[in-house]
Amino acid sequence: MHINRSALSQQQHRVQRYAASHNAFDYFNMLTSPDLLDALEASLPDNHRERLFPPTETLSMFLAQAMKPDRSCQGIVDDAAVKRLIHGLPLCSTKTGGYCKARKRLPLEMVTGMVRHTGRLIAAKGSDTWLWRERRVRLVDGTTVTLPDTQANQTTYPQQSGQKPGLGFPICRIVGVTCLSSGAVLDAAMGGFKGKGSGEQALLRSLLDIFESGDVMLGDAFYATYFLLAELRLRGVDALFEQNGARKLVTDFRLGKRLGSKDHLITLTKSKIRPQWMTLEQYESAPETLTIRELEVGGKTLVTTMTCPNTTPKSALKDLYKHRWQVELDIRNIKTTLGMETLSCKTPEMGEKEMWVYLLAYNLIRLIMAQSALVADVLPRALSFKHTVQLWLAWCGTSARADDKDNFTKLLDLVAEQPIGNRLGRIEPRAVKRRPKPYPLLTKTRELAREQVRKYGHAKKLK
């Protein structure tokens, strides 16, 4: 593969110049320094006492646990015991009881506060060149994760109705808001897979306060509803969604005010029937009519509150909606690269805490990527998340000191060495090439399956 030595040399010089005029390491250290963690620890209850695993150390271990391929509590406790041995500190037991109790005591507010703080800081410290037409764009989307099949988890996070009892897994729904320019998670809401208030719309409404006037919300067709668009309009927030499937069937570009080819303004009327999830006060505060813009680009019908074709031309909206796919990549990075797709905690309280720890680990990686993008003069989205994770784990596995600013600056240079390609419009089949192992699916409870194995032996492999 051909390497552009001149471009690489120029990039290294930019890093060195930036490091000379800006303390790149301090930007990262500001979030992970003892000062910040001590401030969070100071907010703990007055009856808090010093233990073998104080909240700050417990959170650090929890983060390291989420980042390791082996996510077991035993592995992280063994790691802590070896580090204490090497650094001449008092030895601790390799039993996991103390650490598990410390994780349980760890305040959820401490973890959620860190996620929101890191998200805001990463987004705020970015370059103006990262913005879309000088505006902040926030991506929204939902996903699900599964938890261990315990009674407590099943009660809080019921599985799908069609699943036989004892066979499925508890499902938690998550709706998150990420920054388009940096990829940082700004906030998230979690709930059950089914039941009142568990839908994506309800969870998203609990996050609307993080949007500021002038922001742009970018999402898929699930969010293109009258009441959400009306609420965003009241907050001074614009939106760009794909048109809802039911509405798309009746879209007629011959109606309304024509702005161009398959581009028009239409006026929607508020439904006479109040949705069950909506309070009477919320329903009455919604406007009676709402003017929106519909346009067709690239075979998709989009709906937006950015109604002026001069300020936001059709081509600009088309290019912006292509970037909606970035939130899918963010979710993949959290669930697949970091491993949040299947959680390990056996209670809903710890499961929620575990999810927030994964989001914090994700934001800390995004923090490194944002700083690398600044020093290398590239966009954060042009850098590889997995490459950064691999470098950071390798860095943590060395004896590098926390105050080694020169080497940390070089680490940022390494992060920028592996850019990713332009993924806009990429199409891949949703299929698996590698065949699964030839074993039948478990279609009965594990206890019953064990009893049948004792009586009749193991089932034959599938051909």
Protein backbone atom coordinates (compact mmCIF):
# COMPACT_ATOMS: atom_id res chain seq x y z
CA MET A 1 0.00 0.00 0.00
CA HIS A 2 1.35 3.41 -0.96
CA ILE A 3 2.05 5.74 1.98
CA ASN A 4 2.11 9.47 1.44
CA ARG A 5 5.23 10.30 3.45
CA SER A 6 4.86 14.03 2.84
CA ALA A 7 1.26 14.12 4.14
CA LEU A 8 2.22 12.00 7.17
CA SER A 9 5.14 14.30 7.95
CA GLN A 10 2.92 17.38 7.68
CA GLN A 11 0.40 15.81 10.03
CA GLN A 12 3.12 15.06 12.60
CA HIS A 13 4.32 18.66 12.39
CA ARG A 14 0.76 19.89 13.00
CA VAL A 15 0.58 17.70 16.11
CA GLN A 16 3.85 19.09 17.40
CA ARG A 17 2.82 22.70 16.74
CA TYR A 18 -0.53 22.16 18.43
CA ALA A 19 1.09 20.51 21.45
CA ALA A 20 3.48 23.46 21.76
CA SER A 21 0.66 26.01 21.91
CA HIS A 22 -2.07 23.92 23.56
CA ASN A 23 -1.87 21.49 26.46
CA ALA A 24 -3.48 18.57 24.64
CA PHE A 25 -3.02 16.21 27.52
CA ASP A 26 -4.73 18.52 30.00
CA TYR A 27 -7.91 18.41 27.91
CA PHE A 28 -8.10 14.66 28.46
CA ASN A 29 -6.75 14.86 31.99
CA MET A 30 -9.42 17.40 32.93
CA LEU A 31 -12.04 14.66 32.75
CA THR A 32 -10.03 11.83 34.27
CA SER A 33 -8.06 13.74 36.88
CA PRO A 34 -8.40 13.00 40.60
CA ASP A 35 -9.75 16.54 41.04
CA LEU A 36 -12.91 15.79 39.07
CA LEU A 37 -13.43 12.39 40.63
CA ASP A 38 -12.81 13.81 44.09
CA ALA A 39 -15.45 16.47 43.43
CA LEU A 40 -17.93 13.75 42.50
CA GLU A 41 -16.99 11.73 45.54
CA ALA A 42 -17.59 14.79 47.73
CA SER A 43 -21.27 14.66 46.70
CA LEU A 44 -21.70 11.26 48.34
CA PRO A 45 -23.75 10.91 51.56
CA ASP A 46 -22.16 12.11 54.79
CA ASN A 47 -22.03 8.58 56.17
CA HIS A 48 -19.68 7.51 53.37
CA ARG A 49 -16.49 5.99 54.74
CA GLU A 50 -13.19 5.05 53.14
CA ARG A 51 -13.07 1.44 51.98
CA LEU A 52 -10.75 -0.81 50.02
CA PHE A 53 -12.72 0.12 46.88
CA PRO A 54 -13.82 3.78 47.20
CA PRO A 55 -16.29 5.10 44.59
CA THR A 56 -13.58 6.68 42.45
CA GLU A 57 -11.51 3.51 42.23
CA THR A 58 -14.64 1.40 41.79
CA LEU A 59 -15.75 3.51 38.83
CA SER A 60 -12.30 3.26 37.27
CA MET A 61 -12.34 -0.52 37.67
CA PHE A 62 -15.90 -0.72 36.31
CA LEU A 63 -14.78 1.26 33.24
CA ALA A 64 -11.75 -0.97 32.72
CA GLN A 65 -14.00 -4.01 33.09
CA ALA A 66 -16.29 -2.73 30.34
CA MET A 67 -13.33 -2.12 28.02
CA LYS A 68 -11.73 -5.54 28.44
CA PRO A 69 -12.57 -8.59 26.28
CA ASP A 70 -12.97 -10.56 29.52
CA ARG A 71 -15.70 -8.60 31.29
CA SER A 72 -15.78 -10.77 34.42
CA CYS A 73 -15.52 -9.32 37.91
CA GLN A 74 -12.89 -11.94 38.69
CA GLY A 75 -10.66 -10.67 35.89
CA ILE A 76 -10.75 -7.04 37.00
CA VAL A 77 -10.17 -7.93 40.68
CA ASP A 78 -7.20 -10.08 39.69
CA ASP A 79 -5.89 -7.16 37.65
CA ALA A 80 -6.22 -4.82 40.65
CA ALA A 81 -4.47 -7.33 42.92
CA VAL A 82 -1.51 -7.66 40.55
CA LYS A 83 -1.18 -3.86 40.20
CA ARG A 84 -1.16 -3.47 43.99
CA LEU A 85 1.53 -6.14 44.21
CA ILE A 86 3.71 -4.46 41.55
CA HIS A 87 3.39 -0.97 43.08
CA GLY A 88 4.07 -2.12 46.64
CA LEU A 89 0.57 -1.30 47.93
CA PRO A 90 -1.23 -3.34 50.59
CA LEU A 91 -2.41 -6.56 49.01
CA CYS A 92 -6.11 -7.22 48.51
CA SER A 93 -7.96 -10.51 48.25
CA THR A 94 -8.71 -11.89 44.80
CA LYS A 95 -12.22 -12.76 45.93
CA THR A 96 -14.84 -10.65 44.12
CA GLY A 97 -17.23 -10.03 47.03
CA GLY A 98 -15.77 -6.69 48.08
CA TYR A 99 -15.66 -5.31 44.55
CA CYS A 100 -19.21 -6.45 43.75
CA LYS A 101 -20.49 -4.75 46.91
CA ALA A 102 -18.57 -1.60 45.95
CA ARG A 103 -20.20 -1.60 42.48
CA LYS A 104 -23.58 -1.89 44.16
CA ARG A 105 -22.81 1.10 46.42
CA LEU A 106 -21.60 3.20 43.49
CA PRO A 107 -24.18 6.01 43.07
CA LEU A 108 -25.96 5.87 39.71
CA GLU A 109 -26.02 9.69 39.66
CA MET A 110 -22.22 9.70 39.71
CA VAL A 111 -22.05 7.67 36.51
CA THR A 112 -24.89 9.42 34.68
CA GLY A 113 -23.46 12.80 35.62
CA MET A 114 -20.08 11.85 34.17
CA VAL A 115 -21.66 10.70 30.90
CA ARG A 116 -23.62 13.93 30.46
CA HIS A 117 -20.67 16.07 31.50
CA THR A 118 -18.24 14.40 29.12
CA GLY A 119 -20.78 14.55 26.30
CA ARG A 120 -21.38 18.27 26.74
CA LEU A 121 -17.68 19.04 27.06
CA ILE A 122 -16.66 17.07 23.97
CA ALA A 123 -19.41 18.69 21.91
CA ALA A 124 -18.61 22.18 23.21
CA LYS A 125 -14.86 21.95 22.69
CA GLY A 126 -15.12 20.93 19.05
CA SER A 127 -14.08 23.12 16.18
CA ASP A 128 -16.63 25.32 14.40
CA THR A 129 -15.64 23.59 11.17
CA TRP A 130 -17.29 20.42 12.50
CA LEU A 131 -20.75 22.03 12.46
CA TRP A 132 -23.36 21.70 9.72
CA ARG A 133 -23.96 25.14 8.22
CA GLU A 134 -22.89 26.65 11.58
CA ARG A 135 -25.54 24.64 13.44
CA ARG A 136 -25.33 21.79 15.95
CA VAL A 137 -26.93 18.56 14.74
CA ARG A 138 -28.14 15.97 17.26
CA LEU A 139 -28.77 12.39 16.17
CA VAL A 140 -31.56 10.39 17.84
CA ASP A 141 -32.26 6.68 17.64
CA GLY A 142 -33.31 3.73 19.74
CA THR A 143 -31.98 0.24 20.30
CA THR A 144 -32.35 -2.71 22.67
CA VAL A 145 -30.04 -4.79 24.83
CA THR A 146 -30.66 -8.05 26.64
CA LEU A 147 -30.03 -8.86 30.30
CA PRO A 148 -29.52 -12.15 32.18
CA ASP A 149 -32.70 -14.17 32.60
CA THR A 150 -33.45 -13.50 36.26
CA GLN A 151 -36.86 -12.90 37.80
CA ALA A 152 -35.91 -9.37 38.85
CA ASN A 153 -34.81 -8.47 35.31
CA GLN A 154 -37.89 -10.11 33.76
CA THR A 155 -40.16 -8.04 36.02
CA THR A 156 -38.55 -4.71 35.12
CA TYR A 157 -37.68 -5.49 31.49
CA PRO A 158 -40.27 -7.98 30.17
CA GLN A 159 -39.37 -10.00 27.11
CA GLN A 160 -41.39 -10.21 23.91
CA SER A 161 -44.97 -11.44 24.34
CA GLY A 162 -44.58 -14.19 21.75
CA GLN A 163 -41.60 -15.72 23.53
CA LYS A 164 -42.19 -18.90 25.54
CA PRO A 165 -41.62 -18.54 29.30
CA GLY A 166 -38.12 -19.53 30.35
CA LEU A 167 -36.64 -19.26 26.86
CA GLY A 168 -36.26 -15.56 26.12
CA PHE A 169 -34.25 -12.85 27.81
CA PRO A 170 -35.27 -9.56 29.46
CA ILE A 171 -35.09 -6.69 26.96
CA CYS A 172 -34.24 -3.08 27.77
CA ARG A 173 -35.01 -0.30 25.32
CA ILE A 174 -32.57 2.62 25.07
CA VAL A 175 -33.00 5.92 23.25
CA GLY A 176 -29.89 8.05 22.93
CA VAL A 177 -28.91 11.47 21.64
CA THR A 178 -25.47 11.78 20.07
CA CYS A 179 -23.55 14.68 18.58
CA LEU A 180 -23.19 14.43 14.82
CA SER A 181 -19.84 16.21 14.71
CA SER A 182 -18.03 14.38 17.54
CA GLY A 183 -20.10 11.21 18.05
CA ALA A 184 -20.33 11.82 21.81
CA VAL A 185 -23.37 10.59 23.74
CA LEU A 186 -25.13 13.65 25.16
CA ASP A 187 -27.84 11.80 27.08
CA ALA A 188 -29.88 8.61 27.09
CA ALA A 189 -33.10 7.21 28.50
CA MET A 190 -33.86 3.59 29.34
CA GLY A 191 -37.06 1.63 29.83
CA GLY A 192 -38.82 -1.66 29.24
CA PHE A 193 -39.38 -3.17 25.82
CA LYS A 194 -43.14 -3.04 26.31
CA GLY A 195 -45.65 -1.30 28.55
CA LYS A 196 -46.87 2.26 29.02
CA GLY A 197 -44.14 4.88 28.62
CA SER A 198 -41.65 2.39 27.17
CA GLY A 199 -41.88 3.50 23.52
CA GLU A 200 -39.13 5.42 21.77
CA GLN A 201 -41.30 8.54 21.52
CA ALA A 202 -41.91 8.58 25.28
CA LEU A 203 -38.25 8.02 26.10
CA LEU A 204 -37.16 10.72 23.65
CA ARG A 205 -39.53 13.25 25.21
CA SER A 206 -37.71 12.82 28.52
CA LEU A 207 -34.52 13.99 26.78
CA LEU A 208 -35.81 17.11 25.03
CA ASP A 209 -34.41 19.49 27.64
CA ILE A 210 -30.86 18.87 26.40
CA PHE A 211 -31.76 20.47 23.04
CA GLU A 212 -31.09 24.17 22.71
CA SER A 213 -32.64 26.75 20.42
CA GLY A 214 -30.97 26.54 17.02
CA ASP A 215 -30.18 22.82 17.25
CA VAL A 216 -31.22 20.37 14.54
CA MET A 217 -32.67 16.94 15.40
CA LEU A 218 -31.90 14.25 12.83
CA GLY A 219 -33.74 10.91 12.98
CA ASP A 220 -35.52 8.20 11.05
CA ALA A 221 -39.18 7.89 10.07
CA PHE A 222 -40.27 6.70 13.53
CA TYR A 223 -39.99 10.25 14.92
CA ALA A 224 -41.91 12.11 12.20
CA THR A 225 -45.04 12.76 14.29
CA TYR A 226 -47.17 15.88 14.58
CA PHE A 227 -46.77 16.40 18.33
CA LEU A 228 -42.99 15.91 18.36
CA LEU A 229 -42.53 18.33 15.46
CA ALA A 230 -44.79 20.83 17.21
CA GLU A 231 -42.87 20.50 20.48
CA LEU A 232 -39.55 21.03 18.72
CA ARG A 233 -40.91 24.10 16.97
CA LEU A 234 -41.91 25.59 20.33
CA ARG A 235 -38.37 25.01 21.61
CA GLY A 236 -36.75 26.64 18.56
CA VAL A 237 -35.31 23.30 17.44
CA ASP A 238 -35.49 22.21 13.79
CA ALA A 239 -35.96 18.62 12.69
CA LEU A 240 -35.21 16.47 9.67
CA PHE A 241 -36.80 13.02 9.51
CA GLU A 242 -37.78 10.55 6.87
CA GLN A 243 -41.53 10.70 6.33
CA ASN A 244 -43.58 8.28 8.39
CA GLY A 245 -44.67 5.28 6.34
CA ALA A 246 -48.40 5.87 6.83
CA ARG A 247 -48.11 9.53 5.86
CA LYS A 248 -45.86 8.73 2.88
CA LEU A 249 -48.71 6.85 1.21
CA VAL A 250 -50.82 10.02 1.01
CA THR A 251 -48.06 12.50 0.14
CA ASP A 252 -49.12 14.53 -2.89
CA PHE A 253 -46.63 17.14 -4.12
CA ARG A 254 -49.36 18.81 -6.19
CA LEU A 255 -50.85 20.17 -2.97
CA GLY A 256 -49.60 22.98 -0.74
CA LYS A 257 -47.09 25.65 -1.70
CA ARG A 258 -44.65 24.44 -4.34
CA LEU A 259 -40.97 25.15 -3.64
CA GLY A 260 -39.47 23.09 -6.45
CA SER A 261 -39.60 19.67 -8.02
CA LYS A 262 -41.13 17.33 -5.40
CA ASP A 263 -40.57 19.97 -2.74
CA HIS A 264 -43.49 21.78 -1.09
CA LEU A 265 -44.95 23.24 2.10
CA ILE A 266 -48.06 21.70 3.64
CA THR A 267 -50.15 22.54 6.69
CA LEU A 268 -51.04 19.74 9.09
CA THR A 269 -53.97 19.87 11.49
CA LYS A 270 -53.85 18.63 15.06
CA SER A 271 -55.76 15.42 15.70
CA LYS A 272 -59.10 15.83 17.48
CA ILE A 273 -58.31 12.75 19.55
CA ARG A 274 -55.78 13.22 22.36
CA PRO A 275 -53.15 10.42 22.49
CA GLN A 276 -53.35 8.26 25.62
CA TRP A 277 -49.80 9.09 26.67
CA MET A 278 -50.43 12.84 26.47
CA THR A 279 -51.78 14.95 29.33
CA LEU A 280 -54.62 17.38 28.68
CA GLU A 281 -52.28 20.31 29.34
CA GLN A 282 -49.75 19.03 26.78
CA TYR A 283 -52.50 18.47 24.22
CA GLU A 284 -53.98 21.94 24.63
CA SER A 285 -50.57 23.63 24.45
CA ALA A 286 -49.87 22.06 21.04
CA PRO A 287 -50.73 24.39 18.10
CA GLU A 288 -53.87 23.66 16.07
CA THR A 289 -51.92 23.65 12.79
CA LEU A 290 -48.31 23.09 11.79
CA THR A 291 -46.59 24.03 8.53
CA ILE A 292 -43.86 21.64 7.48
CA ARG A 293 -41.82 20.96 4.38
CA GLU A 294 -41.94 17.70 2.42
CA LEU A 295 -39.37 16.83 -0.21
CA GLU A 296 -38.29 13.77 -2.13
CA VAL A 297 -34.57 13.10 -2.53
CA GLY A 298 -32.73 9.91 -3.41
CA GLY A 299 -35.91 7.86 -3.40
CA LYS A 300 -36.81 8.99 0.14
CA THR A 301 -39.51 11.40 1.27
CA LEU A 302 -38.18 13.70 3.98
CA VAL A 303 -40.06 15.99 6.34
CA THR A 304 -38.51 19.03 8.00
CA THR A 305 -39.31 22.22 9.85
CA MET A 306 -36.60 24.06 7.86
CA THR A 307 -39.08 25.56 5.44
CA CYS A 308 -37.00 28.17 3.58
CA PRO A 309 -35.46 26.78 0.36
CA ASN A 310 -33.03 29.69 0.18
CA THR A 311 -31.61 29.16 3.67
CA THR A 312 -31.63 25.35 3.46
CA PRO A 313 -31.74 24.19 -0.15
CA LYS A 314 -32.92 20.74 -1.09
CA SER A 315 -29.38 19.55 -1.82
CA ALA A 316 -28.22 20.53 1.69
CA LEU A 317 -31.04 18.55 3.31
CA LYS A 318 -30.25 15.56 1.13
CA ASP A 319 -26.59 15.62 2.18
CA LEU A 320 -27.52 16.08 5.85
CA TYR A 321 -29.90 13.12 5.91
CA LYS A 322 -27.16 10.88 4.55
CA HIS A 323 -25.33 11.50 7.83
CA ARG A 324 -28.20 9.97 9.83
CA TRP A 325 -26.44 6.64 9.29
CA GLN A 326 -23.73 7.80 11.70
CA VAL A 327 -26.00 7.08 14.67
CA GLU A 328 -26.26 3.46 13.51
CA LEU A 329 -22.47 3.29 13.58
CA ASP A 330 -22.42 4.87 17.05
CA ILE A 331 -24.82 2.21 18.31
CA ARG A 332 -22.70 -0.51 16.71
CA ASN A 333 -19.59 0.87 18.41
CA ILE A 334 -21.29 0.81 21.81
CA LYS A 335 -23.02 -2.55 21.47
CA THR A 336 -20.61 -4.57 19.33
CA THR A 337 -17.15 -3.00 19.67
CA LEU A 338 -17.47 -2.35 23.42
CA GLY A 339 -19.77 -5.31 24.07
CA MET A 340 -22.93 -3.75 25.56
CA GLU A 341 -25.27 -5.86 23.41
CA THR A 342 -25.62 -8.46 26.16
CA LEU A 343 -25.27 -7.25 29.75
CA SER A 344 -24.06 -9.37 32.66
CA CYS A 345 -25.64 -7.84 35.79
CA LYS A 346 -28.44 -9.89 37.34
CA THR A 347 -30.56 -7.09 38.81
CA PRO A 348 -32.24 -4.20 36.96
CA GLU A 349 -30.52 -1.63 39.20
CA MET A 350 -27.06 -2.95 38.38
CA GLY A 351 -28.03 -3.51 34.75
CA GLU A 352 -28.90 0.18 34.38
CA LYS A 353 -25.63 1.15 36.05
CA GLU A 354 -23.71 -1.18 33.73
CA MET A 355 -25.30 0.46 30.67
CA TRP A 356 -24.27 3.93 31.84
CA VAL A 357 -20.71 2.72 32.48
CA TYR A 358 -20.54 1.52 28.88
CA LEU A 359 -21.76 4.92 27.69
CA LEU A 360 -19.09 6.61 29.82
CA ALA A 361 -16.39 4.32 28.39
CA TYR A 362 -17.64 5.18 24.91
CA ASN A 363 -17.48 8.91 25.63
CA LEU A 364 -13.93 8.66 26.97
CA ILE A 365 -12.85 7.02 23.71
CA ARG A 366 -14.69 9.75 21.80
CA LEU A 367 -12.81 12.28 23.90
CA ILE A 368 -9.47 10.89 22.71
CA MET A 369 -10.74 10.89 19.11
CA ALA A 370 -11.94 14.50 19.38
CA GLN A 371 -8.58 15.63 20.71
CA SER A 372 -6.76 13.67 18.01
CA ALA A 373 -8.98 15.28 15.38
CA LEU A 374 -8.12 18.74 16.71
CA VAL A 375 -4.39 18.19 16.70
CA ALA A 376 -4.37 16.45 13.29
CA ASP A 377 -6.81 18.93 11.72
CA VAL A 378 -9.34 16.29 10.59
CA LEU A 379 -12.97 15.56 11.37
CA PRO A 380 -13.65 13.18 14.30
CA ARG A 381 -15.91 11.10 12.07
CA ALA A 382 -12.93 10.44 9.80
CA LEU A 383 -11.20 8.48 12.61
CA SER A 384 -11.70 4.84 13.53
CA PHE A 385 -13.40 4.12 16.85
CA LYS A 386 -12.15 0.53 17.06
CA HIS A 387 -8.60 1.60 16.19
CA THR A 388 -8.73 4.12 19.05
CA VAL A 389 -10.02 1.48 21.47
CA GLN A 390 -7.17 -0.83 20.52
CA LEU A 391 -4.59 1.90 20.96
CA TRP A 392 -6.01 2.97 24.31
CA LEU A 393 -6.04 -0.59 25.67
CA ALA A 394 -2.44 -1.01 24.50
CA TRP A 395 -1.53 2.31 26.19
CA CYS A 396 -3.18 1.22 29.45
CA GLY A 397 -1.28 -2.07 29.30
CA THR A 398 2.07 -0.28 29.39
CA SER A 399 3.86 1.47 32.23
CA ALA A 400 3.19 4.91 30.71
CA ARG A 401 2.82 7.60 33.35
CA ALA A 402 -0.30 9.73 33.56
CA ASP A 403 1.77 12.90 33.21
CA ASP A 404 3.72 11.72 30.15
CA LYS A 405 2.47 14.51 27.89
CA ASP A 406 4.91 13.93 25.04
CA ASN A 407 4.00 10.29 24.61
CA PHE A 408 0.28 11.02 24.98
CA THR A 409 0.55 13.56 22.18
CA LYS A 410 2.21 10.89 20.07
CA LEU A 411 -0.67 8.57 20.97
CA LEU A 412 -3.07 11.14 19.52
CA ASP A 413 -0.97 11.11 16.37
CA LEU A 414 -1.31 7.32 16.17
CA VAL A 415 -5.10 7.62 16.48
CA ALA A 416 -5.17 9.88 13.41
CA GLU A 417 -2.94 7.57 11.35
CA GLN A 418 -5.80 5.21 10.42
CA PRO A 419 -8.59 7.24 8.75
CA ILE A 420 -11.78 5.52 7.65
CA GLY A 421 -13.41 5.83 4.27
CA ASN A 422 -16.50 7.78 3.28
CA ARG A 423 -19.40 5.48 4.20
CA LEU A 424 -22.27 7.57 2.88
CA GLY A 425 -24.70 5.54 0.79
CA ARG A 426 -22.98 2.22 1.46
CA ILE A 427 -25.20 -0.82 0.94
CA GLU A 428 -24.49 -4.19 2.56
CA PRO A 429 -26.64 -7.35 2.69
CA ARG A 430 -28.24 -8.16 6.03
CA ALA A 431 -27.04 -11.75 5.99
CA VAL A 432 -24.53 -13.94 7.81
CA LYS A 433 -22.07 -15.91 5.72
CA ARG A 434 -20.56 -18.12 8.42
CA ARG A 435 -22.85 -20.99 9.41
CA PRO A 436 -23.75 -21.56 13.07
CA LYS A 437 -22.74 -24.71 14.90
CA PRO A 438 -25.02 -27.68 14.13
CA TYR A 439 -26.94 -27.72 17.39
CA PRO A 440 -30.70 -27.33 17.76
CA LEU A 441 -32.20 -24.29 19.48
CA LEU A 442 -33.15 -24.50 23.14
CA THR A 443 -36.96 -24.60 22.95
CA LYS A 444 -37.69 -25.53 26.56
CA THR A 445 -36.52 -24.42 29.98
CA ARG A 446 -32.95 -25.34 30.86
CA GLU A 447 -34.07 -27.42 33.86
CA LEU A 448 -36.35 -29.55 31.67
CA ALA A 449 -33.64 -29.85 29.01
CA ARG A 450 -31.15 -31.12 31.61
CA GLU A 451 -33.62 -33.74 32.82
CA GLN A 452 -34.21 -35.00 29.29
CA VAL A 453 -30.44 -35.23 28.70
CA ARG A 454 -30.14 -37.40 31.81
CA LYS A 455 -32.89 -39.71 30.53
CA TYR A 456 -32.25 -39.83 26.79
CA GLY A 457 -28.78 -38.41 26.25
CA HIS A 458 -27.79 -35.42 24.12
CA ALA A 459 -29.73 -34.57 20.96
CA LYS A 460 -28.17 -35.41 17.65
CA LYS A 461 -26.39 -32.69 15.72
CA LEU A 462 -28.24 -31.05 12.86
CA LYS A 463 -27.11 -31.99 9.36
